[in-house]
Amino acid sequence: MKAFLVDDESLALKRLQRMLAVTGRVEIAGTSTDPVEAIEEILRTKPDVLFLDIEMPGMTGFQMLSKLDPQPLIVFTTAYDQYALAAFGVNSVDYLLKPIEAPQLARALDKLDRMQGGTEPRPEIQQLLDRITALAAGAVAQPAYPDRIASRTGERVELIELARVTHFFARDKLTYAATAAKNYVVDHTIQELEQRVDPRKFVRIHRAVLLNLDYVHELNTWFAGRMIVRLKDEKHTELTVSRDRVRPLKERLGL
């Protein structure tokens, strides 16, 4: 299939292009870091699929979609958690969560193959855009999120208020909820927690860390494009922000 790639981050764009080339399943029709300029190229090259970033300066991926007619199949690429897609009810549209991993990409390509082969229905992009418009106008209710999470120890279940959790972290095949008092083992993976908790409060800063924004005290630049977050807890906990997640974290903090 013929693909066009749009992402304002050139490094992310080149990485995805290399990963697609390795699969041998996709012909790259073009790439662009500018969503406005990309529109004309997409209409000219008529790709089968568009790998599209959501948050871009000047024009979001959703705004760009509204200007494409006809519209190719869409695979969203985003450094944000799945809330952005779950809130819009776009279960029929695939997505790749940055940093993109090979199994994710293979899953998306398999789904695209099924759509092209007619064994899976193509998504209704206009329904997606209509829902986004309604959400922006406040006509669609925001999803409800829990305010507590369970920690099981044998037959004992303890409920921890999420407001007390400074961050979640994965270590030695277990996931922990970190609080000022202690670390509690929880039954969910970091990826599962990312879908369950309120994205206005929690943001993934590393593949193994989900951070509560309310506990951020300061940010410090580190080598290789990464950052260190220092928390406002008694231990002044320091957490590493991976390079791919620095920009989303800054944007969530209004920086």
C-alpha atoms as a PDB file:
ATOM      1  CA  MET A   1       0.000   0.000   0.000  1.00  0.00           C
ATOM      2  CA  LYS A   2       1.070   3.602  -0.586  1.00  0.00           C
ATOM      3  CA  ALA A   3       1.550   5.760   2.511  1.00  0.00           C
ATOM      4  CA  PHE A   4       2.102   9.433   3.329  1.00  0.00           C
ATOM      5  CA  LEU A   5       3.599  10.482   6.701  1.00  0.00           C
ATOM      6  CA  VAL A   6       2.928  13.771   8.513  1.00  0.00           C
ATOM      7  CA  ASP A   7       4.631  14.696  11.798  1.00  0.00           C
ATOM      8  CA  ASP A   8       6.093  18.042  12.843  1.00  0.00           C
ATOM      9  CA  GLU A   9       8.951  16.239  14.631  1.00  0.00           C
ATOM     10  CA  SER A  10      11.502  15.344  11.977  1.00  0.00           C
ATOM     11  CA  LEU A  11      13.195  12.693  14.136  1.00  0.00           C
ATOM     12  CA  ALA A  12       9.890  10.918  14.764  1.00  0.00           C
ATOM     13  CA  LEU A  13       9.080  11.157  11.053  1.00  0.00           C
ATOM     14  CA  LYS A  14      12.406   9.618  10.001  1.00  0.00           C
ATOM     15  CA  ARG A  15      12.081   6.852  12.603  1.00  0.00           C
ATOM     16  CA  LEU A  16       8.621   5.872  11.381  1.00  0.00           C
ATOM     17  CA  GLN A  17       9.816   5.975   7.781  1.00  0.00           C
ATOM     18  CA  ARG A  18      12.681   3.593   8.630  1.00  0.00           C
ATOM     19  CA  MET A  19      10.355   1.244  10.514  1.00  0.00           C
ATOM     20  CA  LEU A  20       7.899   1.114   7.624  1.00  0.00           C
ATOM     21  CA  ALA A  21      10.750   0.462   5.173  1.00  0.00           C
ATOM     22  CA  VAL A  22      11.920  -2.505   7.267  1.00  0.00           C
ATOM     23  CA  THR A  23       8.475  -4.130   7.032  1.00  0.00           C
ATOM     24  CA  GLY A  24       8.601  -4.153   3.228  1.00  0.00           C
ATOM     25  CA  ARG A  25       4.823  -3.762   3.233  1.00  0.00           C
ATOM     26  CA  VAL A  26       4.505  -0.056   2.454  1.00  0.00           C
ATOM     27  CA  GLU A  27       5.588   2.285  -0.324  1.00  0.00           C
ATOM     28  CA  ILE A  28       6.314   5.788   1.023  1.00  0.00           C
ATOM     29  CA  ALA A  29       4.582   8.288  -1.274  1.00  0.00           C
ATOM     30  CA  GLY A  30       5.880  11.266   0.695  1.00  0.00           C
ATOM     31  CA  THR A  31       6.550  12.821   4.092  1.00  0.00           C
ATOM     32  CA  SER A  32       6.057  16.263   5.577  1.00  0.00           C
ATOM     33  CA  THR A  33       6.677  18.128   8.837  1.00  0.00           C
ATOM     34  CA  ASP A  34       4.223  20.881   7.828  1.00  0.00           C
ATOM     35  CA  PRO A  35       0.527  19.880   7.878  1.00  0.00           C
ATOM     36  CA  VAL A  36      -0.504  22.877   5.777  1.00  0.00           C
ATOM     37  CA  GLU A  37       1.975  22.088   3.004  1.00  0.00           C
ATOM     38  CA  ALA A  38       1.213  18.382   3.244  1.00  0.00           C
ATOM     39  CA  ILE A  39      -2.412  18.799   2.154  1.00  0.00           C
ATOM     40  CA  GLU A  40      -1.550  19.603  -1.471  1.00  0.00           C
ATOM     41  CA  GLU A  41       0.956  16.721  -1.652  1.00  0.00           C
ATOM     42  CA  ILE A  42      -1.545  14.249  -0.213  1.00  0.00           C
ATOM     43  CA  LEU A  43      -4.225  15.288  -2.712  1.00  0.00           C
ATOM     44  CA  ARG A  44      -1.663  14.967  -5.517  1.00  0.00           C
ATOM     45  CA  THR A  45      -0.141  11.593  -4.548  1.00  0.00           C
ATOM     46  CA  LYS A  46      -3.442  10.011  -3.394  1.00  0.00           C
ATOM     47  CA  PRO A  47      -1.965   7.625  -0.770  1.00  0.00           C
ATOM     48  CA  ASP A  48      -3.889   4.618   0.524  1.00  0.00           C
ATOM     49  CA  VAL A  49      -3.033   5.466   4.125  1.00  0.00           C
ATOM     50  CA  LEU A  50      -2.004   8.558   6.035  1.00  0.00           C
ATOM     51  CA  PHE A  51       0.143   8.247   9.162  1.00  0.00           C
ATOM     52  CA  LEU A  52      -0.824  11.451  10.933  1.00  0.00           C
ATOM     53  CA  ASP A  53       0.357  13.180  14.101  1.00  0.00           C
ATOM     54  CA  ILE A  54      -2.413  14.822  16.156  1.00  0.00           C
ATOM     55  CA  GLU A  55      -0.775  17.761  17.938  1.00  0.00           C
ATOM     56  CA  MET A  56       1.079  19.971  15.455  1.00  0.00           C
ATOM     57  CA  PRO A  57       1.688  23.735  15.375  1.00  0.00           C
ATOM     58  CA  GLY A  58      -0.496  25.692  12.983  1.00  0.00           C
ATOM     59  CA  MET A  59      -2.961  22.877  12.344  1.00  0.00           C
ATOM     60  CA  THR A  60      -3.921  19.751  14.276  1.00  0.00           C
ATOM     61  CA  GLY A  61      -4.209  16.392  12.582  1.00  0.00           C
ATOM     62  CA  PHE A  62      -7.987  16.564  12.991  1.00  0.00           C
ATOM     63  CA  GLN A  63      -8.146  19.978  11.300  1.00  0.00           C
ATOM     64  CA  MET A  64      -6.005  18.673   8.486  1.00  0.00           C
ATOM     65  CA  LEU A  65      -8.344  15.720   7.966  1.00  0.00           C
ATOM     66  CA  SER A  66     -11.296  18.041   7.448  1.00  0.00           C
ATOM     67  CA  LYS A  67      -9.516  19.557   4.434  1.00  0.00           C
ATOM     68  CA  LEU A  68      -8.864  16.250   2.651  1.00  0.00           C
ATOM     69  CA  ASP A  69     -11.314  14.982   0.057  1.00  0.00           C
ATOM     70  CA  PRO A  70     -11.109  12.132  -0.683  1.00  0.00           C
ATOM     71  CA  GLN A  71      -9.674  10.934   2.604  1.00  0.00           C
ATOM     72  CA  PRO A  72      -7.249   8.008   2.803  1.00  0.00           C
ATOM     73  CA  LEU A  73      -7.256   5.506   5.639  1.00  0.00           C
ATOM     74  CA  ILE A  74      -5.870   7.140   8.782  1.00  0.00           C
ATOM     75  CA  VAL A  75      -3.439   5.857  11.382  1.00  0.00           C
ATOM     76  CA  PHE A  76      -2.881   8.441  14.102  1.00  0.00           C
ATOM     77  CA  THR A  77       0.560   8.788  15.667  1.00  0.00           C
ATOM     78  CA  THR A  78       0.664  10.585  18.988  1.00  0.00           C
ATOM     79  CA  ALA A  79       2.957  11.106  21.971  1.00  0.00           C
ATOM     80  CA  TYR A  80      -0.118  11.546  24.166  1.00  0.00           C
ATOM     81  CA  ASP A  81      -2.021   8.853  25.994  1.00  0.00           C
ATOM     82  CA  GLN A  82      -5.061   7.175  24.501  1.00  0.00           C
ATOM     83  CA  TYR A  83      -7.455   9.674  26.047  1.00  0.00           C
ATOM     84  CA  ALA A  84      -7.273  11.868  22.970  1.00  0.00           C
ATOM     85  CA  LEU A  85      -8.671   9.050  20.866  1.00  0.00           C
ATOM     86  CA  ALA A  86     -10.926   7.373  23.424  1.00  0.00           C
ATOM     87  CA  ALA A  87     -12.689  10.677  24.109  1.00  0.00           C
ATOM     88  CA  PHE A  88     -13.533  11.047  20.442  1.00  0.00           C
ATOM     89  CA  GLY A  89     -14.890   7.534  20.176  1.00  0.00           C
ATOM     90  CA  VAL A  90     -12.590   6.570  17.328  1.00  0.00           C
ATOM     91  CA  ASN A  91     -12.298   2.864  18.033  1.00  0.00           C
ATOM     92  CA  SER A  92     -12.529   2.155  14.307  1.00  0.00           C
ATOM     93  CA  VAL A  93      -9.479   4.326  13.565  1.00  0.00           C
ATOM     94  CA  ASP A  94      -6.105   2.892  14.528  1.00  0.00           C
ATOM     95  CA  TYR A  95      -3.376   4.755  16.381  1.00  0.00           C
ATOM     96  CA  LEU A  96       0.310   4.377  17.232  1.00  0.00           C
ATOM     97  CA  LEU A  97       1.459   5.669  20.596  1.00  0.00           C
ATOM     98  CA  LYS A  98       4.932   7.230  20.509  1.00  0.00           C
ATOM     99  CA  PRO A  99       7.587   6.039  20.839  1.00  0.00           C
ATOM    100  CA  ILE A 100       6.254   3.633  18.221  1.00  0.00           C
ATOM    101  CA  GLU A 101       7.232  -0.005  18.639  1.00  0.00           C
ATOM    102  CA  ALA A 102       7.377  -2.702  15.963  1.00  0.00           C
ATOM    103  CA  PRO A 103       4.448  -4.796  17.319  1.00  0.00           C
ATOM    104  CA  GLN A 104       2.229  -1.689  17.329  1.00  0.00           C
ATOM    105  CA  LEU A 105       3.146  -0.945  13.739  1.00  0.00           C
ATOM    106  CA  ALA A 106       2.559  -4.535  12.634  1.00  0.00           C
ATOM    107  CA  ARG A 107      -0.895  -4.463  14.269  1.00  0.00           C
ATOM    108  CA  ALA A 108      -1.809  -1.289  12.386  1.00  0.00           C
ATOM    109  CA  LEU A 109      -0.560  -2.658   9.061  1.00  0.00           C
ATOM    110  CA  ASP A 110      -2.507  -5.879   9.562  1.00  0.00           C
ATOM    111  CA  LYS A 111      -5.662  -3.851  10.185  1.00  0.00           C
ATOM    112  CA  LEU A 112      -5.030  -1.753   7.077  1.00  0.00           C
ATOM    113  CA  ASP A 113      -4.595  -4.937   5.019  1.00  0.00           C
ATOM    114  CA  ARG A 114      -7.962  -6.210   6.266  1.00  0.00           C
ATOM    115  CA  MET A 115      -9.642  -2.919   5.393  1.00  0.00           C
ATOM    116  CA  GLN A 116      -8.152  -2.900   1.910  1.00  0.00           C
ATOM    117  CA  GLY A 117      -9.128  -6.522   1.428  1.00  0.00           C
ATOM    118  CA  GLY A 118     -12.704  -5.805   2.463  1.00  0.00           C
ATOM    119  CA  THR A 119     -12.693  -8.132   5.491  1.00  0.00           C
ATOM    120  CA  GLU A 120     -12.930  -5.215   7.921  1.00  0.00           C
ATOM    121  CA  PRO A 121     -15.080  -2.096   7.405  1.00  0.00           C
ATOM    122  CA  ARG A 122     -13.382   1.184   6.654  1.00  0.00           C
ATOM    123  CA  PRO A 123     -13.755   3.837   9.368  1.00  0.00           C
ATOM    124  CA  GLU A 124     -16.212   6.690   8.932  1.00  0.00           C
ATOM    125  CA  ILE A 125     -13.870   9.668   9.166  1.00  0.00           C
ATOM    126  CA  GLN A 126     -16.690  12.196   8.921  1.00  0.00           C
ATOM    127  CA  GLN A 127     -18.290  10.721  12.032  1.00  0.00           C
ATOM    128  CA  LEU A 128     -14.987  11.220  13.803  1.00  0.00           C
ATOM    129  CA  LEU A 129     -14.796  14.874  12.743  1.00  0.00           C
ATOM    130  CA  ASP A 130     -18.429  15.486  13.727  1.00  0.00           C
ATOM    131  CA  ARG A 131     -17.765  13.994  17.156  1.00  0.00           C
ATOM    132  CA  ILE A 132     -14.676  16.153  17.637  1.00  0.00           C
ATOM    133  CA  THR A 133     -16.704  19.254  16.775  1.00  0.00           C
ATOM    134  CA  ALA A 134     -19.385  18.234  19.272  1.00  0.00           C
ATOM    135  CA  LEU A 135     -16.778  17.545  21.942  1.00  0.00           C
ATOM    136  CA  ALA A 136     -15.192  20.951  21.422  1.00  0.00           C
ATOM    137  CA  ALA A 137     -18.628  22.548  21.810  1.00  0.00           C
ATOM    138  CA  GLY A 138     -19.237  20.660  25.061  1.00  0.00           C
ATOM    139  CA  ALA A 139     -22.000  18.511  23.597  1.00  0.00           C
ATOM    140  CA  VAL A 140     -20.216  15.234  24.373  1.00  0.00           C
ATOM    141  CA  ALA A 141     -19.696  14.301  28.005  1.00  0.00           C
ATOM    142  CA  GLN A 142     -16.145  13.734  29.176  1.00  0.00           C
ATOM    143  CA  PRO A 143     -15.423  10.168  30.272  1.00  0.00           C
ATOM    144  CA  ALA A 144     -15.556   9.418  34.003  1.00  0.00           C
ATOM    145  CA  TYR A 145     -12.349   8.380  35.744  1.00  0.00           C
ATOM    146  CA  PRO A 146     -11.881   6.605  39.092  1.00  0.00           C
ATOM    147  CA  ASP A 147     -10.580   8.496  42.119  1.00  0.00           C
ATOM    148  CA  ARG A 148      -9.200   5.366  43.802  1.00  0.00           C
ATOM    149  CA  ILE A 149      -7.252   2.292  42.767  1.00  0.00           C
ATOM    150  CA  ALA A 150      -7.031  -1.129  44.403  1.00  0.00           C
ATOM    151  CA  SER A 151      -3.909  -2.761  45.787  1.00  0.00           C
ATOM    152  CA  ARG A 152      -4.204  -6.475  46.580  1.00  0.00           C
ATOM    153  CA  THR A 153      -2.059  -8.342  49.071  1.00  0.00           C
ATOM    154  CA  GLY A 154      -3.249 -11.930  49.368  1.00  0.00           C
ATOM    155  CA  GLU A 155      -6.880 -11.765  50.436  1.00  0.00           C
ATOM    156  CA  ARG A 156      -6.552  -8.134  51.534  1.00  0.00           C
ATOM    157  CA  VAL A 157      -7.602  -5.292  49.225  1.00  0.00           C
ATOM    158  CA  GLU A 158      -6.581  -1.727  50.054  1.00  0.00           C
ATOM    159  CA  LEU A 159      -8.003   1.284  48.195  1.00  0.00           C
ATOM    160  CA  ILE A 160      -5.584   4.115  47.483  1.00  0.00           C
ATOM    161  CA  GLU A 161      -6.798   7.596  46.590  1.00  0.00           C
ATOM    162  CA  LEU A 162      -5.289   8.636  43.273  1.00  0.00           C
ATOM    163  CA  ALA A 163      -4.788  12.148  44.634  1.00  0.00           C
ATOM    164  CA  ARG A 164      -2.148  10.641  46.953  1.00  0.00           C
ATOM    165  CA  VAL A 165      -0.278   8.875  44.141  1.00  0.00           C
ATOM    166  CA  THR A 166       2.756  10.850  42.995  1.00  0.00           C
ATOM    167  CA  HIS A 167       3.455   8.445  40.155  1.00  0.00           C
ATOM    168  CA  PHE A 168       3.091   4.873  38.954  1.00  0.00           C
ATOM    169  CA  PHE A 169       6.186   2.910  37.986  1.00  0.00           C
ATOM    170  CA  ALA A 170       6.997  -0.558  36.678  1.00  0.00           C
ATOM    171  CA  ARG A 171       9.862  -2.606  38.091  1.00  0.00           C
ATOM    172  CA  ASP A 172      10.724  -6.310  37.988  1.00  0.00           C
ATOM    173  CA  LYS A 173       7.467  -7.196  36.182  1.00  0.00           C
ATOM    174  CA  LEU A 174       5.327  -5.457  38.824  1.00  0.00           C
ATOM    175  CA  THR A 175       3.567  -2.083  38.793  1.00  0.00           C
ATOM    176  CA  TYR A 176       3.572   0.192  41.842  1.00  0.00           C
ATOM    177  CA  ALA A 177       1.582   3.239  42.931  1.00  0.00           C
ATOM    178  CA  ALA A 178       4.000   5.540  44.751  1.00  0.00           C
ATOM    179  CA  THR A 179       2.697   7.638  47.671  1.00  0.00           C
ATOM    180  CA  ALA A 180       4.357   9.542  50.521  1.00  0.00           C
ATOM    181  CA  ALA A 181       3.650   6.617  52.857  1.00  0.00           C
ATOM    182  CA  LYS A 182       4.731   3.645  50.740  1.00  0.00           C
ATOM    183  CA  ASN A 183       4.646   1.987  47.346  1.00  0.00           C
ATOM    184  CA  TYR A 184       1.596  -0.178  46.645  1.00  0.00           C
ATOM    185  CA  VAL A 185       1.516  -3.043  44.151  1.00  0.00           C
ATOM    186  CA  VAL A 186      -1.357  -2.658  41.671  1.00  0.00           C
ATOM    187  CA  ASP A 187      -2.750  -5.173  39.190  1.00  0.00           C
ATOM    188  CA  HIS A 188      -2.493  -3.026  36.048  1.00  0.00           C
ATOM    189  CA  THR A 189       0.340  -2.366  33.632  1.00  0.00           C
ATOM    190  CA  ILE A 190       1.492   1.186  32.992  1.00  0.00           C
ATOM    191  CA  GLN A 191      -0.240   1.084  29.608  1.00  0.00           C
ATOM    192  CA  GLU A 192      -3.499  -0.064  31.183  1.00  0.00           C
ATOM    193  CA  LEU A 193      -3.287   2.624  33.869  1.00  0.00           C
ATOM    194  CA  GLU A 194      -2.713   5.235  31.178  1.00  0.00           C
ATOM    195  CA  GLN A 195      -6.147   4.339  29.794  1.00  0.00           C
ATOM    196  CA  ARG A 196      -7.891   4.194  33.178  1.00  0.00           C
ATOM    197  CA  VAL A 197      -6.748   7.311  35.043  1.00  0.00           C
ATOM    198  CA  ASP A 198      -7.608  10.944  34.337  1.00  0.00           C
ATOM    199  CA  PRO A 199      -5.248  12.226  31.591  1.00  0.00           C
ATOM    200  CA  ARG A 200      -5.683  15.762  32.883  1.00  0.00           C
ATOM    201  CA  LYS A 201      -3.817  14.615  36.006  1.00  0.00           C
ATOM    202  CA  PHE A 202      -1.535  11.813  34.831  1.00  0.00           C
ATOM    203  CA  VAL A 203       0.890  11.803  31.911  1.00  0.00           C
ATOM    204  CA  ARG A 204       3.288   9.116  30.763  1.00  0.00           C
ATOM    205  CA  ILE A 205       6.877  10.383  30.864  1.00  0.00           C
ATOM    206  CA  HIS A 206       8.631   7.075  30.262  1.00  0.00           C
ATOM    207  CA  ARG A 207       7.558   3.623  29.131  1.00  0.00           C
ATOM    208  CA  ALA A 208       7.722   2.577  32.790  1.00  0.00           C
ATOM    209  CA  VAL A 209       6.484   5.762  34.534  1.00  0.00           C
ATOM    210  CA  LEU A 210       3.106   7.522  34.710  1.00  0.00           C
ATOM    211  CA  LEU A 211       3.386  10.885  36.490  1.00  0.00           C
ATOM    212  CA  ASN A 212       0.826  12.832  38.542  1.00  0.00           C
ATOM    213  CA  LEU A 213       1.205  16.412  37.281  1.00  0.00           C
ATOM    214  CA  ASP A 214       0.078  17.816  40.633  1.00  0.00           C
ATOM    215  CA  TYR A 215       3.361  16.660  42.181  1.00  0.00           C
ATOM    216  CA  VAL A 216       5.761  18.251  39.681  1.00  0.00           C
ATOM    217  CA  HIS A 217       8.129  20.637  41.465  1.00  0.00           C
ATOM    218  CA  GLU A 218      10.756  21.395  38.826  1.00  0.00           C
ATOM    219  CA  LEU A 219      12.206  20.256  35.516  1.00  0.00           C
ATOM    220  CA  ASN A 220      15.889  19.996  34.637  1.00  0.00           C
ATOM    221  CA  THR A 221      17.408  19.316  31.246  1.00  0.00           C
ATOM    222  CA  TRP A 222      19.529  16.199  30.963  1.00  0.00           C
ATOM    223  CA  PHE A 223      21.729  14.668  28.293  1.00  0.00           C
ATOM    224  CA  ALA A 224      20.500  13.062  25.053  1.00  0.00           C
ATOM    225  CA  GLY A 225      17.441  15.325  24.944  1.00  0.00           C
ATOM    226  CA  ARG A 226      15.940  13.899  28.118  1.00  0.00           C
ATOM    227  CA  MET A 227      14.806  15.704  31.269  1.00  0.00           C
ATOM    228  CA  ILE A 228      14.647  15.085  35.005  1.00  0.00           C
ATOM    229  CA  VAL A 229      11.443  15.813  36.925  1.00  0.00           C
ATOM    230  CA  ARG A 230      11.808  16.533  40.639  1.00  0.00           C
ATOM    231  CA  LEU A 231       8.671  15.910  42.665  1.00  0.00           C
ATOM    232  CA  LYS A 232       7.366  17.938  45.585  1.00  0.00           C
ATOM    233  CA  ASP A 233       7.345  15.003  47.964  1.00  0.00           C
ATOM    234  CA  GLU A 234       9.429  14.588  51.110  1.00  0.00           C
ATOM    235  CA  LYS A 235      12.029  12.492  49.270  1.00  0.00           C
ATOM    236  CA  HIS A 236      12.339  15.000  46.384  1.00  0.00           C
ATOM    237  CA  THR A 237      11.969  12.044  44.034  1.00  0.00           C
ATOM    238  CA  GLU A 238      13.650  12.436  40.653  1.00  0.00           C
ATOM    239  CA  LEU A 239      12.170  10.781  37.556  1.00  0.00           C
ATOM    240  CA  THR A 240      13.578  10.572  34.044  1.00  0.00           C
ATOM    241  CA  VAL A 241      11.544  11.910  31.118  1.00  0.00           C
ATOM    242  CA  SER A 242      12.390  10.089  27.881  1.00  0.00           C
ATOM    243  CA  ARG A 243      13.251  12.225  24.887  1.00  0.00           C
ATOM    244  CA  ASP A 244      10.036  11.398  23.004  1.00  0.00           C
ATOM    245  CA  ARG A 245       7.926  12.562  25.945  1.00  0.00           C
ATOM    246  CA  VAL A 246       9.649  15.851  26.826  1.00  0.00           C
ATOM    247  CA  ARG A 247       7.556  17.996  24.505  1.00  0.00           C
ATOM    248  CA  PRO A 248       4.173  16.523  25.530  1.00  0.00           C
ATOM    249  CA  LEU A 249       5.062  16.998  29.205  1.00  0.00           C
ATOM    250  CA  LYS A 250       6.065  20.632  28.656  1.00  0.00           C
ATOM    251  CA  GLU A 251       2.860  21.307  26.753  1.00  0.00           C
ATOM    252  CA  ARG A 252       0.753  19.723  29.492  1.00  0.00           C
ATOM    253  CA  LEU A 253       2.515  21.978  32.011  1.00  0.00           C
ATOM    254  CA  GLY A 254       1.963  25.050  29.821  1.00  0.00           C
ATOM    255  CA  LEU A 255       5.692  25.525  29.109  1.00  0.00           C
END
